[in-house]
N, C-alpha and C. Protein backbone atom coordinates (compact mmCIF):
# COMPACT_ATOMS: atom_id res chain seq x y z
N MET A 1 26.92 -175.80 33.49
CA MET A 1 25.97 -176.63 33.68
C MET A 1 26.42 -178.14 33.92
N ILE A 2 27.78 -178.26 33.61
CA ILE A 2 28.38 -179.58 33.64
C ILE A 2 28.01 -180.51 34.75
N ASN A 3 27.82 -180.03 35.92
CA ASN A 3 27.76 -180.75 37.15
C ASN A 3 26.12 -180.89 37.48
N LEU A 4 25.36 -180.24 36.76
CA LEU A 4 23.93 -180.40 37.21
C LEU A 4 23.38 -181.74 36.89
N GLU A 5 22.58 -182.17 38.07
CA GLU A 5 21.97 -183.41 37.92
C GLU A 5 20.60 -183.66 37.70
N GLU A 6 19.84 -182.37 37.93
CA GLU A 6 18.44 -182.35 37.79
C GLU A 6 18.06 -181.01 37.37
N LEU A 7 17.16 -180.93 36.21
CA LEU A 7 16.79 -179.65 35.77
C LEU A 7 15.22 -179.60 35.59
N SER A 8 14.44 -178.79 35.89
CA SER A 8 13.08 -178.48 35.77
C SER A 8 12.92 -177.17 34.70
N LEU A 9 12.46 -177.24 33.68
CA LEU A 9 12.41 -176.15 32.82
C LEU A 9 10.94 -175.66 32.36
N LEU A 10 10.46 -174.60 32.61
CA LEU A 10 9.34 -174.09 32.14
C LEU A 10 9.44 -172.98 31.29
N LEU A 11 9.29 -173.11 30.09
CA LEU A 11 9.68 -172.02 29.21
C LEU A 11 8.81 -171.50 27.98
N SER A 12 8.72 -170.39 27.90
CA SER A 12 7.99 -169.64 26.72
C SER A 12 8.95 -169.09 25.99
N VAL A 13 8.70 -169.35 24.54
CA VAL A 13 9.62 -168.70 23.58
C VAL A 13 8.97 -168.10 22.43
N VAL A 14 9.23 -166.95 21.96
CA VAL A 14 8.51 -166.30 20.78
C VAL A 14 9.69 -166.16 19.77
N ARG A 15 9.30 -166.69 18.59
CA ARG A 15 10.38 -166.62 17.54
C ARG A 15 9.54 -165.90 16.24
N ASP A 16 10.51 -165.20 15.73
CA ASP A 16 9.91 -164.60 14.26
C ASP A 16 10.64 -165.18 13.15
N ASP A 17 9.97 -165.67 12.27
CA ASP A 17 10.53 -166.19 10.87
C ASP A 17 11.44 -167.21 11.10
N SER A 18 10.92 -168.33 12.12
CA SER A 18 11.78 -169.35 12.36
C SER A 18 10.80 -170.68 12.51
N THR A 19 11.29 -171.64 13.14
CA THR A 19 10.46 -172.91 13.55
C THR A 19 10.47 -173.36 15.01
N TYR A 20 9.66 -174.27 15.11
CA TYR A 20 9.41 -174.77 16.64
C TYR A 20 10.77 -175.48 17.21
N ILE A 21 10.91 -175.21 18.46
CA ILE A 21 11.80 -176.02 19.12
C ILE A 21 11.53 -177.43 19.15
N ASP A 22 12.35 -178.37 18.84
CA ASP A 22 12.13 -179.72 18.83
C ASP A 22 13.15 -180.55 19.69
N GLY A 23 13.10 -181.85 19.56
CA GLY A 23 13.96 -182.63 20.30
C GLY A 23 15.56 -182.62 20.06
N ILE A 24 15.68 -182.34 18.59
CA ILE A 24 17.14 -182.30 18.19
C ILE A 24 17.67 -180.89 18.73
N GLN A 25 16.96 -179.89 18.48
CA GLN A 25 17.39 -178.52 19.22
C GLN A 25 17.61 -178.50 20.69
N LEU A 26 16.72 -179.07 21.35
CA LEU A 26 16.84 -179.31 22.88
C LEU A 26 17.95 -180.04 23.31
N HIS A 27 18.25 -181.18 22.59
CA HIS A 27 19.40 -181.97 22.85
C HIS A 27 20.64 -181.26 22.44
N ASN A 28 20.78 -180.61 21.28
CA ASN A 28 21.94 -180.16 21.03
C ASN A 28 22.40 -178.85 21.60
N GLN A 29 21.42 -178.05 22.04
CA GLN A 29 21.56 -176.62 22.57
C GLN A 29 21.49 -176.69 24.03
N ILE A 30 20.99 -177.73 24.69
CA ILE A 30 20.81 -177.76 26.20
C ILE A 30 21.53 -178.96 26.82
N LEU A 31 20.98 -180.13 26.40
CA LEU A 31 21.21 -181.38 27.14
C LEU A 31 22.76 -181.98 26.94
N ILE A 32 23.34 -181.50 25.93
CA ILE A 32 24.66 -182.02 25.71
C ILE A 32 25.59 -181.31 26.65
N TYR A 33 25.36 -180.13 27.18
CA TYR A 33 25.94 -179.62 28.14
C TYR A 33 25.69 -179.92 29.63
N MET A 34 24.88 -180.97 29.74
CA MET A 34 24.47 -181.57 30.97
C MET A 34 24.88 -183.09 31.03
N PRO A 35 26.05 -183.38 31.16
CA PRO A 35 26.45 -184.79 30.88
C PRO A 35 26.03 -185.63 32.24
N ARG A 36 25.84 -184.94 33.29
CA ARG A 36 25.62 -185.83 34.54
C ARG A 36 23.95 -185.72 34.74
N ALA A 37 23.29 -185.05 33.98
CA ALA A 37 21.92 -184.90 34.24
C ALA A 37 21.05 -186.26 34.27
N ASN A 38 20.38 -186.52 35.27
CA ASN A 38 19.68 -187.90 35.45
C ASN A 38 18.21 -187.69 35.40
N LYS A 39 17.81 -186.48 35.61
CA LYS A 39 16.29 -186.00 35.50
C LYS A 39 16.20 -184.67 35.00
N PHE A 40 15.43 -184.67 33.87
CA PHE A 40 15.15 -183.44 32.99
C PHE A 40 13.53 -183.32 32.76
N THR A 41 12.89 -182.43 33.49
CA THR A 41 11.46 -182.25 33.38
C THR A 41 11.38 -180.76 32.55
N PHE A 42 10.42 -180.84 31.66
CA PHE A 42 10.29 -179.59 31.03
C PHE A 42 8.80 -179.39 30.33
N SER A 43 8.53 -178.19 30.24
CA SER A 43 7.37 -177.64 29.41
C SER A 43 7.87 -176.50 28.63
N ILE A 44 7.83 -176.71 27.34
CA ILE A 44 8.27 -175.73 26.41
C ILE A 44 7.19 -175.26 25.54
N ASN A 45 6.94 -174.04 25.54
CA ASN A 45 5.96 -173.43 24.51
C ASN A 45 6.59 -172.60 23.39
N THR A 46 6.53 -172.79 22.22
CA THR A 46 7.25 -172.11 21.23
C THR A 46 5.94 -171.41 20.52
N GLY A 47 5.88 -169.98 20.49
CA GLY A 47 5.00 -169.13 19.56
C GLY A 47 5.68 -168.67 18.41
N LEU A 48 5.29 -168.82 17.10
CA LEU A 48 5.90 -168.52 15.98
C LEU A 48 5.02 -167.37 15.27
N TYR A 49 5.74 -166.42 14.86
CA TYR A 49 5.10 -165.40 13.92
C TYR A 49 5.80 -165.42 12.62
N ASN A 50 5.39 -166.02 11.58
CA ASN A 50 6.05 -166.11 10.28
C ASN A 50 5.17 -165.27 9.24
N ASP A 51 4.98 -164.16 9.45
CA ASP A 51 4.19 -163.37 8.51
C ASP A 51 5.08 -162.80 7.43
N LYS A 52 6.44 -162.77 7.36
CA LYS A 52 7.34 -162.40 6.23
C LYS A 52 8.05 -163.40 5.40
N LEU A 53 8.08 -164.52 6.08
CA LEU A 53 8.59 -165.64 5.40
C LEU A 53 7.78 -166.93 5.56
N ARG A 54 7.71 -167.74 4.45
CA ARG A 54 6.84 -168.83 4.42
C ARG A 54 7.74 -170.00 4.82
N ILE A 55 7.68 -170.77 5.86
CA ILE A 55 8.42 -171.88 6.26
C ILE A 55 7.49 -173.00 6.32
N ASP A 56 8.06 -174.21 5.97
CA ASP A 56 7.18 -175.40 6.16
C ASP A 56 7.46 -175.89 7.55
N LEU A 57 6.47 -175.90 8.39
CA LEU A 57 6.75 -176.16 9.89
C LEU A 57 6.48 -177.68 10.03
N PRO A 58 7.19 -178.22 11.07
CA PRO A 58 7.03 -179.59 11.36
C PRO A 58 5.71 -179.91 11.89
N SER A 59 5.23 -181.20 11.59
CA SER A 59 4.04 -181.67 12.15
C SER A 59 4.21 -182.05 13.57
N ASN A 60 3.28 -182.32 14.22
CA ASN A 60 3.31 -183.04 15.51
C ASN A 60 4.06 -184.37 15.58
N GLU A 61 3.86 -184.97 14.44
CA GLU A 61 4.44 -186.41 14.32
C GLU A 61 6.05 -186.01 14.01
N ASP A 62 6.43 -184.96 13.38
CA ASP A 62 7.96 -184.64 13.21
C ASP A 62 8.48 -184.30 14.43
N ILE A 63 7.70 -183.57 15.41
CA ILE A 63 8.27 -183.17 16.68
C ILE A 63 8.31 -184.48 17.55
N GLN A 64 7.44 -185.37 17.51
CA GLN A 64 7.65 -186.58 18.22
C GLN A 64 8.79 -187.47 17.90
N ARG A 65 9.00 -187.66 16.49
CA ARG A 65 10.22 -188.35 15.96
C ARG A 65 11.33 -187.73 16.33
N SER A 66 11.55 -186.33 16.41
CA SER A 66 12.72 -185.74 16.79
C SER A 66 13.36 -186.21 18.24
N PHE A 67 12.40 -186.39 19.08
CA PHE A 67 12.60 -186.95 20.41
C PHE A 67 13.09 -188.46 20.39
N ILE A 68 12.29 -189.23 19.53
CA ILE A 68 12.69 -190.62 19.55
C ILE A 68 14.08 -190.76 19.07
N GLU A 69 14.40 -190.04 18.12
CA GLU A 69 15.63 -190.10 17.51
C GLU A 69 16.77 -189.71 18.34
N LYS A 70 16.48 -189.11 19.44
CA LYS A 70 17.54 -188.67 20.49
C LYS A 70 17.34 -189.42 21.74
N ALA A 71 16.42 -190.50 21.67
CA ALA A 71 16.25 -191.41 22.82
C ALA A 71 15.53 -190.99 23.99
N TYR A 72 14.58 -190.00 23.54
CA TYR A 72 13.63 -189.52 24.79
C TYR A 72 12.07 -189.91 24.31
N ASP A 73 11.71 -190.89 25.10
CA ASP A 73 10.45 -191.58 24.62
C ASP A 73 9.25 -190.95 25.63
N GLN A 74 9.54 -190.38 26.66
CA GLN A 74 8.44 -189.86 27.68
C GLN A 74 8.25 -188.44 27.40
N VAL A 75 7.80 -188.06 26.09
CA VAL A 75 7.51 -186.63 25.72
C VAL A 75 6.01 -186.52 25.02
N GLY A 76 5.54 -185.52 25.42
CA GLY A 76 4.13 -185.16 24.65
C GLY A 76 4.41 -183.98 24.01
N SER A 77 3.65 -183.86 22.88
CA SER A 77 3.76 -182.63 22.10
C SER A 77 2.45 -182.15 21.40
N TYR A 78 2.18 -181.01 21.07
CA TYR A 78 1.02 -180.68 20.30
C TYR A 78 1.38 -179.30 19.50
N VAL A 79 1.10 -179.65 18.18
CA VAL A 79 1.32 -178.44 17.28
C VAL A 79 -0.04 -177.73 16.97
N HIS A 80 -0.31 -176.56 17.06
CA HIS A 80 -1.45 -175.84 16.81
C HIS A 80 -1.18 -174.74 15.70
N THR A 81 -1.63 -174.92 14.50
CA THR A 81 -1.41 -174.10 13.43
C THR A 81 -2.90 -173.44 13.05
N ILE A 82 -2.74 -172.25 12.71
CA ILE A 82 -4.22 -171.62 12.38
C ILE A 82 -3.96 -170.94 10.92
N PRO A 83 -4.36 -171.70 9.80
CA PRO A 83 -4.05 -171.13 8.62
C PRO A 83 -5.23 -170.22 8.39
N PRO A 84 -5.04 -169.14 7.59
CA PRO A 84 -3.72 -168.61 7.08
C PRO A 84 -3.15 -167.54 8.13
N ASN A 85 -3.47 -167.56 9.40
CA ASN A 85 -2.80 -166.77 10.33
C ASN A 85 -1.39 -167.04 10.50
N PRO A 86 -0.51 -165.97 10.49
CA PRO A 86 0.91 -166.40 10.69
C PRO A 86 1.43 -166.67 12.11
N ALA A 87 0.43 -167.05 12.87
CA ALA A 87 0.70 -167.22 14.49
C ALA A 87 0.51 -168.66 14.59
N ASP A 88 1.50 -169.50 14.92
CA ASP A 88 1.48 -170.84 15.18
C ASP A 88 2.07 -171.19 16.67
N ARG A 89 1.81 -172.30 17.05
CA ARG A 89 2.18 -172.59 18.58
C ARG A 89 2.58 -174.20 18.66
N CYS A 90 3.64 -174.43 19.34
CA CYS A 90 3.98 -175.94 19.73
C CYS A 90 4.09 -176.01 21.18
N TYR A 91 3.62 -177.14 21.66
CA TYR A 91 3.81 -177.43 23.11
C TYR A 91 4.46 -178.64 23.15
N LEU A 92 5.74 -178.79 24.00
CA LEU A 92 6.49 -179.85 24.26
C LEU A 92 6.42 -180.02 25.71
N TYR A 93 6.40 -181.32 26.19
CA TYR A 93 6.38 -181.43 27.77
C TYR A 93 6.86 -182.87 28.05
N SER A 94 7.52 -183.05 29.12
CA SER A 94 7.91 -184.34 29.58
C SER A 94 6.72 -185.08 30.20
N LEU A 95 6.79 -186.20 30.17
CA LEU A 95 5.57 -187.02 30.81
C LEU A 95 6.24 -187.98 31.94
N PRO A 96 5.38 -188.18 32.98
CA PRO A 96 4.09 -187.34 33.25
C PRO A 96 4.47 -185.94 33.51
N TYR A 97 3.51 -185.20 33.27
CA TYR A 97 3.52 -183.71 33.28
C TYR A 97 3.61 -183.39 34.87
N GLN A 98 4.69 -182.62 35.13
CA GLN A 98 4.98 -182.24 36.49
C GLN A 98 4.80 -180.78 36.94
N PHE A 99 4.28 -179.87 36.14
CA PHE A 99 4.21 -178.64 36.44
C PHE A 99 2.69 -178.41 36.76
N GLU A 100 2.37 -177.33 37.63
CA GLU A 100 1.13 -176.86 37.95
C GLU A 100 0.45 -176.03 36.85
N ASP A 101 1.21 -175.48 36.11
CA ASP A 101 0.85 -174.44 35.10
C ASP A 101 1.07 -174.93 33.65
N PHE A 102 0.16 -174.73 32.66
CA PHE A 102 0.41 -175.08 31.24
C PHE A 102 0.06 -173.86 30.45
N LEU A 103 1.24 -173.12 30.10
CA LEU A 103 1.11 -171.89 29.36
C LEU A 103 0.33 -171.99 28.18
N PHE A 104 -0.55 -171.00 27.83
CA PHE A 104 -1.17 -170.82 26.83
C PHE A 104 -2.24 -171.95 26.38
N LEU A 105 -2.53 -172.61 27.26
CA LEU A 105 -3.64 -173.71 26.97
C LEU A 105 -4.86 -173.19 26.33
N ASN A 106 -5.44 -173.85 25.43
CA ASN A 106 -6.57 -173.22 24.46
C ASN A 106 -7.46 -174.40 24.19
N ASN A 107 -8.68 -174.07 23.73
CA ASN A 107 -9.51 -175.01 23.24
C ASN A 107 -9.30 -175.97 22.34
N PRO A 108 -8.43 -175.71 21.26
CA PRO A 108 -8.14 -176.73 20.33
C PRO A 108 -7.26 -177.83 20.79
N PHE A 109 -6.70 -177.59 21.91
CA PHE A 109 -5.80 -178.74 22.64
C PHE A 109 -6.49 -180.02 23.02
N GLN A 110 -6.37 -181.07 22.29
CA GLN A 110 -7.27 -182.26 22.52
C GLN A 110 -6.54 -183.31 22.75
N ASP A 111 -5.37 -183.08 23.66
CA ASP A 111 -4.52 -184.48 23.81
C ASP A 111 -5.21 -185.42 24.82
N GLY A 112 -6.09 -184.88 25.85
CA GLY A 112 -6.85 -185.62 26.56
C GLY A 112 -6.17 -186.03 28.01
N MET A 113 -5.04 -185.67 28.23
CA MET A 113 -4.28 -185.76 29.46
C MET A 113 -4.45 -184.87 30.52
N PHE A 114 -5.18 -183.84 30.11
CA PHE A 114 -5.43 -182.86 31.04
C PHE A 114 -6.90 -182.59 31.25
N ASP A 115 -7.39 -183.53 31.74
CA ASP A 115 -8.87 -183.72 31.98
C ASP A 115 -9.53 -182.79 33.01
N LYS A 116 -8.72 -182.21 33.96
CA LYS A 116 -8.98 -181.42 34.88
C LYS A 116 -8.72 -179.90 34.71
N VAL A 117 -8.45 -179.57 33.41
CA VAL A 117 -8.28 -178.17 33.26
C VAL A 117 -9.40 -177.61 32.75
């Protein structure tokens, strides 16, 4: 992927006993391998099932801060937790939103930018 200049990524990930994908993971595991990338659009949905392990999950502010620390400022995020249910979800997306679909959009999503959904 060293010569890749543009990437559009629509990804849904399910993790057991783990945490959400954030800006640090995205940078360290994908973006550093794309030094020529000048356009990266993404929509990443992480579903977690932490029924055996109790993990302190990052808040929406933590997720946003992880992108700012890596110099990505045009990013939206939404963390949806349902206590005491072990299933949680985190939505990450580049702004402005470029995809026609939004995976697993549900009623509690109150970001306001998807007013026609």
